[in-house]
PDB file of N, CA and C in Angstrom:
ATOM      1  N   MET A   1       0.904  -1.064  -0.094  1.00  0.00           N
ATOM      2  CA  MET A   1      -0.022  -0.025  -0.217  1.00  0.00           C
ATOM      3  C   MET A   1       0.785   1.166   0.026  1.00  0.00           C
ATOM      4  N   THR A   2       0.336   2.336  -0.531  1.00  0.00           N
ATOM      5  CA  THR A   2       1.214   3.449  -1.001  1.00  0.00           C
ATOM      6  C   THR A   2       1.102   4.355   0.720  1.00  0.00           C
ATOM      7  N   GLU A   3       2.218   4.509   1.129  1.00  0.00           N
ATOM      8  CA  GLU A   3       1.837   5.250   2.385  1.00  0.00           C
ATOM      9  C   GLU A   3       1.097   6.541   2.717  1.00  0.00           C
ATOM     10  N   VAL A   4       0.068   6.633   3.361  1.00  0.00           N
ATOM     11  CA  VAL A   4      -0.696   7.772   3.318  1.00  0.00           C
ATOM     12  C   VAL A   4      -0.740   8.589   4.754  1.00  0.00           C
ATOM     13  N   LEU A   5      -0.684   9.856   4.889  1.00  0.00           N
ATOM     14  CA  LEU A   5      -0.328  10.494   5.948  1.00  0.00           C
ATOM     15  C   LEU A   5      -1.304  11.522   6.217  1.00  0.00           C
ATOM     16  N   ARG A   6      -1.502  12.041   7.371  1.00  0.00           N
ATOM     17  CA  ARG A   6      -2.685  12.981   7.688  1.00  0.00           C
ATOM     18  C   ARG A   6      -1.834  14.255   7.533  1.00  0.00           C
ATOM     19  N   GLY A   7      -2.621  15.122   6.756  1.00  0.00           N
ATOM     20  CA  GLY A   7      -2.283  16.398   6.120  1.00  0.00           C
ATOM     21  C   GLY A   7      -2.028  16.176   4.543  1.00  0.00           C
ATOM     22  N   ALA A   8      -1.543  14.882   4.118  1.00  0.00           N
ATOM     23  CA  ALA A   8      -1.396  14.774   2.817  1.00  0.00           C
ATOM     24  C   ALA A   8      -2.280  15.513   2.124  1.00  0.00           C
ATOM     25  N   VAL A   9      -2.461  15.911   0.788  1.00  0.00           N
ATOM     26  CA  VAL A   9      -3.629  16.375  -0.346  1.00  0.00           C
ATOM     27  C   VAL A   9      -3.209  15.368  -1.608  1.00  0.00           C
ATOM     28  N   TRP A  10      -4.240  14.720  -1.464  1.00  0.00           N
ATOM     29  CA  TRP A  10      -4.451  13.736  -2.515  1.00  0.00           C
ATOM     30  C   TRP A  10      -5.428  14.064  -3.739  1.00  0.00           C
ATOM     31  N   ARG A  11      -4.967  13.748  -5.356  1.00  0.00           N
ATOM     32  CA  ARG A  11      -6.315  13.219  -6.024  1.00  0.00           C
ATOM     33  C   ARG A  11      -6.495  11.647  -6.393  1.00  0.00           C
ATOM     34  N   VAL A  12      -7.611  11.350  -5.900  1.00  0.00           N
ATOM     35  CA  VAL A  12      -7.990   9.813  -5.769  1.00  0.00           C
ATOM     36  C   VAL A  12      -8.996   9.640  -7.102  1.00  0.00           C
ATOM     37  N   PRO A  13      -8.952   8.381  -7.458  1.00  0.00           N
ATOM     38  CA  PRO A  13     -10.245   8.522  -8.531  1.00  0.00           C
ATOM     39  C   PRO A  13     -11.442   8.103  -7.780  1.00  0.00           C
ATOM     40  N   THR A  14     -12.537   8.174  -8.412  1.00  0.00           N
ATOM     41  CA  THR A  14     -13.870   7.457  -7.718  1.00  0.00           C
ATOM     42  C   THR A  14     -14.851   7.552  -8.973  1.00  0.00           C
ATOM     43  N   VAL A  15     -15.604   6.870  -8.609  1.00  0.00           N
ATOM     44  CA  VAL A  15     -16.559   6.872  -9.413  1.00  0.00           C
ATOM     45  C   VAL A  15     -17.120   7.783 -10.361  1.00  0.00           C
ATOM     46  N   GLY A  16     -16.461   7.680 -11.779  1.00  0.00           N
ATOM     47  CA  GLY A  16     -16.777   8.786 -12.634  1.00  0.00           C
ATOM     48  C   GLY A  16     -15.792   9.817 -12.725  1.00  0.00           C
ATOM     49  N   ARG A  17     -15.270  10.195 -11.709  1.00  0.00           N
ATOM     50  CA  ARG A  17     -13.989  11.201 -11.784  1.00  0.00           C
ATOM     51  C   ARG A  17     -13.072  11.212 -10.259  1.00  0.00           C
ATOM     52  N   GLU A  18     -12.136  12.238 -10.654  1.00  0.00           N
ATOM     53  CA  GLU A  18     -11.141  12.171  -9.542  1.00  0.00           C
ATOM     54  C   GLU A  18     -11.740  13.325  -8.523  1.00  0.00           C
ATOM     55  N   ARG A  19     -11.376  12.997  -7.288  1.00  0.00           N
ATOM     56  CA  ARG A  19     -11.682  14.038  -6.379  1.00  0.00           C
ATOM     57  C   ARG A  19     -10.317  14.343  -5.433  1.00  0.00           C
ATOM     58  N   THR A  20     -10.254  15.604  -5.065  1.00  0.00           N
ATOM     59  CA  THR A  20      -8.955  16.294  -4.630  1.00  0.00           C
ATOM     60  C   THR A  20      -9.297  16.052  -2.735  1.00  0.00           C
ATOM     61  N   VAL A  21      -8.514  15.395  -2.131  1.00  0.00           N
ATOM     62  CA  VAL A  21      -8.934  15.226  -0.737  1.00  0.00           C
ATOM     63  C   VAL A  21      -7.689  15.753   0.153  1.00  0.00           C
ATOM     64  N   VAL A  22      -7.981  16.114   1.344  1.00  0.00           N
ATOM     65  CA  VAL A  22      -6.967  15.901   2.366  1.00  0.00           C
ATOM     66  C   VAL A  22      -7.200  15.178   3.314  1.00  0.00           C
ATOM     67  N   VAL A  23      -6.141  14.177   3.612  1.00  0.00           N
ATOM     68  CA  VAL A  23      -6.100  13.173   4.624  1.00  0.00           C
ATOM     69  C   VAL A  23      -6.259  13.795   6.198  1.00  0.00           C
ATOM     70  N   VAL A  24      -7.477  13.319   6.935  1.00  0.00           N
ATOM     71  CA  VAL A  24      -7.364  14.042   8.266  1.00  0.00           C
ATOM     72  C   VAL A  24      -7.358  12.835   9.259  1.00  0.00           C
ATOM     73  N   GLN A  25      -7.397  12.081   9.223  1.00  0.00           N
ATOM     74  CA  GLN A  25      -7.412  10.636   9.769  1.00  0.00           C
ATOM     75  C   GLN A  25      -5.790  10.442  10.948  1.00  0.00           C
ATOM     76  N   HIS A  26      -5.781   9.959  12.211  1.00  0.00           N
ATOM     77  CA  HIS A  26      -4.539  10.004  12.713  1.00  0.00           C
ATOM     78  C   HIS A  26      -3.718   9.008  11.784  1.00  0.00           C
ATOM     79  N   ASN A  27      -2.236   9.119  11.758  1.00  0.00           N
ATOM     80  CA  ASN A  27      -1.222   8.107  11.257  1.00  0.00           C
ATOM     81  C   ASN A  27      -1.446   6.943  11.803  1.00  0.00           C
ATOM     82  N   ALA A  28      -1.357   6.826  13.320  1.00  0.00           N
ATOM     83  CA  ALA A  28      -1.520   5.590  13.439  1.00  0.00           C
ATOM     84  C   ALA A  28      -2.532   4.791  13.314  1.00  0.00           C
ATOM     85  N   VAL A  29      -3.650   5.434  13.142  1.00  0.00           N
ATOM     86  CA  VAL A  29      -4.821   4.624  12.661  1.00  0.00           C
ATOM     87  C   VAL A  29      -4.848   4.096  11.315  1.00  0.00           C
ATOM     88  N   ILE A  30      -4.512   5.131  10.726  1.00  0.00           N
ATOM     89  CA  ILE A  30      -4.025   4.353   8.710  1.00  0.00           C
ATOM     90  C   ILE A  30      -3.410   3.355   9.096  1.00  0.00           C
ATOM     91  N   ARG A  31      -2.579   3.139   9.858  1.00  0.00           N
ATOM     92  CA  ARG A  31      -1.231   2.128   9.626  1.00  0.00           C
ATOM     93  C   ARG A  31      -1.823   0.783  10.086  1.00  0.00           C
ATOM     94  N   HIS A  32      -2.682   0.908  11.340  1.00  0.00           N
ATOM     95  CA  HIS A  32      -3.144  -0.164  11.765  1.00  0.00           C
ATOM     96  C   HIS A  32      -4.651  -0.884  11.817  1.00  0.00           C
ATOM     97  N   HIS A  33      -5.461   0.187  11.040  1.00  0.00           N
ATOM     98  CA  HIS A  33      -6.680  -0.528  10.475  1.00  0.00           C
ATOM     99  C   HIS A  33      -6.860   0.065   9.228  1.00  0.00           C
ATOM    100  N   ALA A  34      -6.606  -1.283   8.320  1.00  0.00           N
ATOM    101  CA  ALA A  34      -6.928  -1.153   6.814  1.00  0.00           C
ATOM    102  C   ALA A  34      -7.949  -0.837   6.142  1.00  0.00           C
ATOM    103  N   GLY A  35      -9.185  -0.491   6.981  1.00  0.00           N
ATOM    104  CA  GLY A  35     -10.058   0.009   6.643  1.00  0.00           C
ATOM    105  C   GLY A  35     -10.149   1.583   5.669  1.00  0.00           C
ATOM    106  N   GLY A  36     -11.363   2.075   5.389  1.00  0.00           N
ATOM    107  CA  GLY A  36     -11.308   3.377   4.908  1.00  0.00           C
ATOM    108  C   GLY A  36     -10.159   4.550   5.726  1.00  0.00           C
ATOM    109  N   ILE A  37      -9.891   5.336   4.902  1.00  0.00           N
ATOM    110  CA  ILE A  37      -8.943   6.270   5.308  1.00  0.00           C
ATOM    111  C   ILE A  37      -9.851   7.850   5.439  1.00  0.00           C
ATOM    112  N   ALA A  38      -9.810   8.301   6.436  1.00  0.00           N
ATOM    113  CA  ALA A  38     -10.767   9.498   6.495  1.00  0.00           C
ATOM    114  C   ALA A  38     -10.233  10.769   5.907  1.00  0.00           C
ATOM    115  N   CYS A  39     -11.288  11.321   5.198  1.00  0.00           N
ATOM    116  CA  CYS A  39     -10.820  12.617   4.266  1.00  0.00           C
ATOM    117  C   CYS A  39     -11.697  13.761   4.374  1.00  0.00           C
ATOM    118  N   VAL A  40     -11.412  14.934   3.758  1.00  0.00           N
ATOM    119  CA  VAL A  40     -12.459  15.870   3.636  1.00  0.00           C
ATOM    120  C   VAL A  40     -12.144  16.349   2.367  1.00  0.00           C
ATOM    121  N   LEU A  41     -12.878  16.809   1.637  1.00  0.00           N
ATOM    122  CA  LEU A  41     -12.965  16.943   0.141  1.00  0.00           C
ATOM    123  C   LEU A  41     -12.227  18.402  -0.133  1.00  0.00           C
ATOM    124  N   VAL A  42     -11.615  18.460  -1.114  1.00  0.00           N
ATOM    125  CA  VAL A  42     -11.108  20.249  -1.369  1.00  0.00           C
ATOM    126  C   VAL A  42     -11.705  20.294  -2.906  1.00  0.00           C
ATOM    127  N   GLN A  43     -12.517  21.361  -2.869  1.00  0.00           N
ATOM    128  CA  GLN A  43     -12.938  22.152  -4.183  1.00  0.00           C
ATOM    129  C   GLN A  43     -11.846  23.126  -4.280  1.00  0.00           C
ATOM    130  N   GLU A  44     -11.148  22.733  -5.933  1.00  0.00           N
ATOM    131  CA  GLU A  44     -10.275  23.659  -6.297  1.00  0.00           C
ATOM    132  C   GLU A  44     -10.785  24.687  -7.335  1.00  0.00           C
ATOM    133  N   VAL A  45     -10.729  26.154  -6.623  1.00  0.00           N
ATOM    134  CA  VAL A  45     -11.261  27.110  -6.852  1.00  0.00           C
ATOM    135  C   VAL A  45     -10.630  28.485  -6.696  1.00  0.00           C
ATOM    136  N   GLU A  46     -10.810  29.444  -7.218  1.00  0.00           N
ATOM    137  CA  GLU A  46      -9.471  30.426  -7.435  1.00  0.00           C
ATOM    138  C   GLU A  46      -9.770  31.241  -5.993  1.00  0.00           C
ATOM    139  N   GLU A  47     -11.199  31.695  -5.661  1.00  0.00           N
ATOM    140  CA  GLU A  47     -11.576  32.435  -4.579  1.00  0.00           C
ATOM    141  C   GLU A  47     -12.340  31.659  -3.478  1.00  0.00           C
ATOM    142  N   ALA A  48     -11.825  31.582  -2.466  1.00  0.00           N
ATOM    143  CA  ALA A  48     -12.753  31.066  -1.399  1.00  0.00           C
ATOM    144  C   ALA A  48     -13.127  32.030  -0.174  1.00  0.00           C
ATOM    145  N   ILE A  49     -13.990  31.518   0.380  1.00  0.00           N
ATOM    146  CA  ILE A  49     -14.293  32.405   1.579  1.00  0.00           C
ATOM    147  C   ILE A  49     -14.028  31.609   2.947  1.00  0.00           C
ATOM    148  N   ASP A  50     -13.450  32.066   3.980  1.00  0.00           N
ATOM    149  CA  ASP A  50     -12.783  31.471   5.231  1.00  0.00           C
ATOM    150  C   ASP A  50     -14.110  31.832   5.888  1.00  0.00           C
ATOM    151  N   THR A  51     -14.578  30.607   6.477  1.00  0.00           N
ATOM    152  CA  THR A  51     -15.845  30.585   7.047  1.00  0.00           C
ATOM    153  C   THR A  51     -15.623  29.275   8.525  1.00  0.00           C
ATOM    154  N   LEU A  52     -16.715  29.159   9.499  1.00  0.00           N
ATOM    155  CA  LEU A  52     -16.496  28.167  10.685  1.00  0.00           C
ATOM    156  C   LEU A  52     -15.926  26.763   9.789  1.00  0.00           C
ATOM    157  N   LEU A  53     -16.730  26.434   8.740  1.00  0.00           N
ATOM    158  CA  LEU A  53     -16.621  25.144   8.028  1.00  0.00           C
ATOM    159  C   LEU A  53     -15.314  25.124   7.034  1.00  0.00           C
ATOM    160  N   THR A  54     -14.985  26.156   6.370  1.00  0.00           N
ATOM    161  CA  THR A  54     -13.926  26.195   4.996  1.00  0.00           C
ATOM    162  C   THR A  54     -12.790  26.964   5.534  1.00  0.00           C
ATOM    163  N   VAL A  55     -11.910  26.251   4.809  1.00  0.00           N
ATOM    164  CA  VAL A  55     -10.334  26.723   4.846  1.00  0.00           C
ATOM    165  C   VAL A  55      -9.965  26.880   3.743  1.00  0.00           C
ATOM    166  N   PRO A  56      -9.862  28.106   3.397  1.00  0.00           N
ATOM    167  CA  PRO A  56      -9.150  28.257   1.726  1.00  0.00           C
ATOM    168  C   PRO A  56      -7.568  27.880   2.031  1.00  0.00           C
ATOM    169  N   ILE A  57      -6.946  27.397   0.733  1.00  0.00           N
ATOM    170  CA  ILE A  57      -5.853  26.930   0.927  1.00  0.00           C
ATOM    171  C   ILE A  57      -5.069  27.492  -0.312  1.00  0.00           C
ATOM    172  N   GLU A  58      -3.867  27.585  -0.519  1.00  0.00           N
ATOM    173  CA  GLU A  58      -2.801  27.634  -1.359  1.00  0.00           C
ATOM    174  C   GLU A  58      -2.195  26.921  -2.096  1.00  0.00           C
ATOM    175  N   ARG A  59      -1.479  26.057  -1.312  1.00  0.00           N
ATOM    176  CA  ARG A  59      -0.638  24.763  -1.430  1.00  0.00           C
ATOM    177  C   ARG A  59      -0.949  23.720  -0.893  1.00  0.00           C
ATOM    178  N   PRO A  60      -0.788  22.587  -1.777  1.00  0.00           N
ATOM    179  CA  PRO A  60      -0.540  22.187  -2.564  1.00  0.00           C
ATOM    180  C   PRO A  60      -1.346  22.477  -3.798  1.00  0.00           C
ATOM    181  N   VAL A  61      -2.519  22.594  -3.601  1.00  0.00           N
ATOM    182  CA  VAL A  61      -3.618  23.267  -4.337  1.00  0.00           C
ATOM    183  C   VAL A  61      -3.915  24.138  -4.271  1.00  0.00           C
ATOM    184  N   ARG A  62      -4.700  25.343  -5.194  1.00  0.00           N
ATOM    185  CA  ARG A  62      -5.584  26.361  -4.495  1.00  0.00           C
ATOM    186  C   ARG A  62      -7.005  25.854  -4.457  1.00  0.00           C
ATOM    187  N   GLY A  63      -7.435  26.251  -3.379  1.00  0.00           N
ATOM    188  CA  GLY A  63      -9.106  25.703  -3.218  1.00  0.00           C
ATOM    189  C   GLY A  63      -9.440  25.714  -1.637  1.00  0.00           C
ATOM    190  N   VAL A  64     -10.580  25.519  -1.304  1.00  0.00           N
ATOM    191  CA  VAL A  64     -11.098  25.484  -0.132  1.00  0.00           C
ATOM    192  C   VAL A  64     -11.370  24.140   0.422  1.00  0.00           C
ATOM    193  N   VAL A  65     -10.906  23.645   1.694  1.00  0.00           N
ATOM    194  CA  VAL A  65     -10.953  22.639   2.236  1.00  0.00           C
ATOM    195  C   VAL A  65     -12.539  22.950   3.073  1.00  0.00           C
ATOM    196  N   MET A  66     -13.181  21.487   2.612  1.00  0.00           N
ATOM    197  CA  MET A  66     -14.877  21.427   3.210  1.00  0.00           C
ATOM    198  C   MET A  66     -14.924  20.728   4.173  1.00  0.00           C
ATOM    199  N   ALA A  67     -14.629  21.080   5.538  1.00  0.00           N
ATOM    200  CA  ALA A  67     -14.586  20.402   6.671  1.00  0.00           C
ATOM    201  C   ALA A  67     -15.897  19.555   6.954  1.00  0.00           C
ATOM    202  N   SER A  68     -16.936  19.934   6.394  1.00  0.00           N
ATOM    203  CA  SER A  68     -18.071  19.363   6.751  1.00  0.00           C
ATOM    204  C   SER A  68     -18.497  18.000   5.381  1.00  0.00           C
ATOM    205  N   ASP A  69     -17.637  17.978   4.682  1.00  0.00           N
ATOM    206  CA  ASP A  69     -17.810  17.241   3.631  1.00  0.00           C
ATOM    207  C   ASP A  69     -16.424  15.865   3.633  1.00  0.00           C
ATOM    208  N   ILE A  70     -17.121  15.151   4.889  1.00  0.00           N
ATOM    209  CA  ILE A  70     -15.879  13.897   5.237  1.00  0.00           C
ATOM    210  C   ILE A  70     -16.188  12.788   4.361  1.00  0.00           C
ATOM    211  N   HIS A  71     -15.100  11.942   4.293  1.00  0.00           N
ATOM    212  CA  HIS A  71     -15.681  10.701   3.500  1.00  0.00           C
ATOM    213  C   HIS A  71     -14.275  10.015   3.773  1.00  0.00           C
ATOM    214  N   GLN A  72     -14.663   8.253   3.364  1.00  0.00           N
ATOM    215  CA  GLN A  72     -13.684   7.198   4.070  1.00  0.00           C
ATOM    216  C   GLN A  72     -13.204   6.679   2.484  1.00  0.00           C
ATOM    217  N   PHE A  73     -12.020   6.538   2.263  1.00  0.00           N
ATOM    218  CA  PHE A  73     -11.858   6.182   0.790  1.00  0.00           C
ATOM    219  C   PHE A  73     -11.054   4.713   1.303  1.00  0.00           C
ATOM    220  N   ARG A  74     -11.098   3.786   0.486  1.00  0.00           N
ATOM    221  CA  ARG A  74     -10.512   2.522   0.519  1.00  0.00           C
ATOM    222  C   ARG A  74      -8.969   2.950   0.170  1.00  0.00           C
ATOM    223  N   PRO A  75      -8.029   2.223   0.891  1.00  0.00           N
ATOM    224  CA  PRO A  75      -6.328   2.157   0.152  1.00  0.00           C
ATOM    225  C   PRO A  75      -6.037   1.904  -0.793  1.00  0.00           C
ATOM    226  N   LEU A  76      -6.786   1.306  -1.354  1.00  0.00           N
ATOM    227  CA  LEU A  76      -6.753   1.281  -3.119  1.00  0.00           C
ATOM    228  C   LEU A  76      -6.954   2.392  -3.849  1.00  0.00           C
ATOM    229  N   ARG A  77      -7.904   3.153  -3.396  1.00  0.00           N
ATOM    230  CA  ARG A  77      -7.527   4.575  -4.063  1.00  0.00           C
ATOM    231  C   ARG A  77      -6.863   5.499  -4.134  1.00  0.00           C
ATOM    232  N   PHE A  78      -5.971   5.329  -3.227  1.00  0.00           N
ATOM    233  CA  PHE A  78      -4.548   5.890  -2.848  1.00  0.00           C
ATOM    234  C   PHE A  78      -3.405   5.079  -3.896  1.00  0.00           C
ATOM    235  N   ASP A  79      -3.366   4.217  -3.746  1.00  0.00           N
ATOM    236  CA  ASP A  79      -2.657   3.386  -4.678  1.00  0.00           C
ATOM    237  C   ASP A  79      -2.983   3.700  -6.004  1.00  0.00           C
ATOM    238  N   GLN A  80      -4.313   4.058  -6.432  1.00  0.00           N
ATOM    239  CA  GLN A  80      -4.337   4.469  -8.131  1.00  0.00           C
ATOM    240  C   GLN A  80      -4.162   5.872  -8.270  1.00  0.00           C
ATOM    241  N   GLY A  81      -4.259   6.700  -6.894  1.00  0.00           N
ATOM    242  CA  GLY A  81      -4.213   8.257  -7.232  1.00  0.00           C
ATOM    243  C   GLY A  81      -2.719   8.858  -7.212  1.00  0.00           C
ATOM    244  N   LYS A  82      -2.751  10.162  -6.634  1.00  0.00           N
ATOM    245  CA  LYS A  82      -1.461  10.705  -7.012  1.00  0.00           C
ATOM    246  C   LYS A  82      -1.321  11.695  -5.382  1.00  0.00           C
ATOM    247  N   CYS A  83      -0.397  11.549  -4.803  1.00  0.00           N
ATOM    248  CA  CYS A  83      -0.106  12.336  -3.693  1.00  0.00           C
ATOM    249  C   CYS A  83       0.173  14.098  -4.283  1.00  0.00           C
ATOM    250  N   LEU A  84      -0.329  14.908  -3.966  1.00  0.00           N
ATOM    251  CA  LEU A  84       0.059  16.270  -4.641  1.00  0.00           C
ATOM    252  C   LEU A  84       0.885  17.031  -3.461  1.00  0.00           C
ATOM    253  N   GLY A  85       0.929  16.657  -2.563  1.00  0.00           N
ATOM    254  CA  GLY A  85       1.893  17.085  -1.313  1.00  0.00           C
ATOM    255  C   GLY A  85       1.019  17.554  -0.059  1.00  0.00           C
ATOM    256  N   TYR A  86       1.681  18.048   0.809  1.00  0.00           N
ATOM    257  CA  TYR A  86       1.011  18.281   2.542  1.00  0.00           C
ATOM    258  C   TYR A  86       0.767  19.669   2.412  1.00  0.00           C
ATOM    259  N   LEU A  87      -0.351  19.794   3.404  1.00  0.00           N
ATOM    260  CA  LEU A  87      -0.555  21.217   3.884  1.00  0.00           C
ATOM    261  C   LEU A  87       0.298  21.698   5.127  1.00  0.00           C
ATOM    262  N   SER A  88       0.260  23.053   5.007  1.00  0.00           N
ATOM    263  CA  SER A  88       1.564  23.346   6.387  1.00  0.00           C
ATOM    264  C   SER A  88       0.662  23.161   7.248  1.00  0.00           C
ATOM    265  N   ALA A  89       1.809  23.284   8.840  1.00  0.00           N
ATOM    266  CA  ALA A  89       1.130  23.088   9.903  1.00  0.00           C
ATOM    267  C   ALA A  89       0.065  23.667  10.023  1.00  0.00           C
ATOM    268  N   GLU A  90       0.107  25.104   9.732  1.00  0.00           N
ATOM    269  CA  GLU A  90      -0.642  26.132  10.160  1.00  0.00           C
ATOM    270  C   GLU A  90      -2.030  25.633   9.582  1.00  0.00           C
ATOM    271  N   ASP A  91      -2.397  25.393   8.198  1.00  0.00           N
ATOM    272  CA  ASP A  91      -3.381  25.070   7.177  1.00  0.00           C
ATOM    273  C   ASP A  91      -4.079  23.833   8.098  1.00  0.00           C
ATOM    274  N   MET A  92      -3.185  22.883   8.352  1.00  0.00           N
ATOM    275  CA  MET A  92      -3.733  21.913   8.979  1.00  0.00           C
ATOM    276  C   MET A  92      -4.267  22.099  10.198  1.00  0.00           C
ATOM    277  N   GLU A  93      -3.721  22.980  11.027  1.00  0.00           N
ATOM    278  CA  GLU A  93      -4.435  23.252  12.088  1.00  0.00           C
ATOM    279  C   GLU A  93      -5.976  23.817  12.215  1.00  0.00           C
ATOM    280  N   ARG A  94      -5.755  24.797  11.208  1.00  0.00           N
ATOM    281  CA  ARG A  94      -7.076  25.549  10.753  1.00  0.00           C
ATOM    282  C   ARG A  94      -8.117  24.406  10.196  1.00  0.00           C
ATOM    283  N   VAL A  95      -7.582  23.246   9.646  1.00  0.00           N
ATOM    284  CA  VAL A  95      -8.848  22.396   9.209  1.00  0.00           C
ATOM    285  C   VAL A  95      -9.244  21.505  10.448  1.00  0.00           C
ATOM    286  N   ALA A  96      -8.096  21.516  11.545  1.00  0.00           N
ATOM    287  CA  ALA A  96      -8.542  20.361  12.355  1.00  0.00           C
ATOM    288  C   ALA A  96      -9.418  21.042  13.497  1.00  0.00           C
ATOM    289  N   GLN A  97      -9.675  22.727  13.373  1.00  0.00           N
ATOM    290  CA  GLN A  97     -10.545  23.482  14.033  1.00  0.00           C
ATOM    291  C   GLN A  97     -11.809  23.138  13.371  1.00  0.00           C
ATOM    292  N   ALA A  98     -11.853  23.562  12.048  1.00  0.00           N
ATOM    293  CA  ALA A  98     -12.925  22.994  11.327  1.00  0.00           C
ATOM    294  C   ALA A  98     -13.863  22.012  11.430  1.00  0.00           C
ATOM    295  N   LEU A  99     -12.941  20.909  11.521  1.00  0.00           N
ATOM    296  CA  LEU A  99     -13.301  19.533  11.897  1.00  0.00           C
ATOM    297  C   LEU A  99     -14.054  19.537  13.258  1.00  0.00           C
ATOM    298  N   ARG A 100     -13.297  19.932  14.268  1.00  0.00           N
ATOM    299  CA  ARG A 100     -13.639  20.298  15.537  1.00  0.00           C
ATOM    300  C   ARG A 100     -15.442  20.992  15.658  1.00  0.00           C
ATOM    301  N   ALA A 101     -15.485  22.003  14.962  1.00  0.00           N
ATOM    302  CA  ALA A 101     -16.852  22.425  14.721  1.00  0.00           C
ATOM    303  C   ALA A 101     -17.933  21.709  13.969  1.00  0.00           C
ATOM    304  N   ALA A 102     -17.430  21.118  13.083  1.00  0.00           N
ATOM    305  CA  ALA A 102     -18.080  20.276  12.054  1.00  0.00           C
ATOM    306  C   ALA A 102     -18.871  19.395  12.825  1.00  0.00           C
ATOM    307  N   LEU A 103     -18.156  18.476  13.769  1.00  0.00           N
ATOM    308  CA  LEU A 103     -18.497  17.661  14.546  1.00  0.00           C
ATOM    309  C   LEU A 103     -18.635  17.607  15.963  1.00  0.00           C
ATOM    310  N   ASP A 104     -18.767  19.221  16.558  1.00  0.00           N
ATOM    311  CA  ASP A 104     -19.276  19.493  17.999  1.00  0.00           C
ATOM    312  C   ASP A 104     -18.328  18.682  18.899  1.00  0.00           C
ATOM    313  N   LEU A 105     -16.912  18.815  18.584  1.00  0.00           N
ATOM    314  CA  LEU A 105     -16.201  18.074  19.316  1.00  0.00           C
ATOM    315  C   LEU A 105     -15.163  19.372  20.179  1.00  0.00           C
TER     316      LEU A 105
END
């Protein structure tokens, strides 16, 4: 299996199209539980509003992370996908805050 780490931005194939996602699952859980890998979707747009549940990002892609749009993808999707890079520590912390708000944690 391709190594998948928290904070990585991937383009993964899904039914009918590719999706850009940020891995939000803890690295130990990814390694030791081979089920789905928790991700949030990234909409690749030029301009995005920073809200409680959205996090605009510039790198490794330009777009907006949608904290309320959580999905699990099988490891096979990552084997067939492409890692585009990693969010900065600051952006990942903002995504974590948005996830806590979305999930009332």
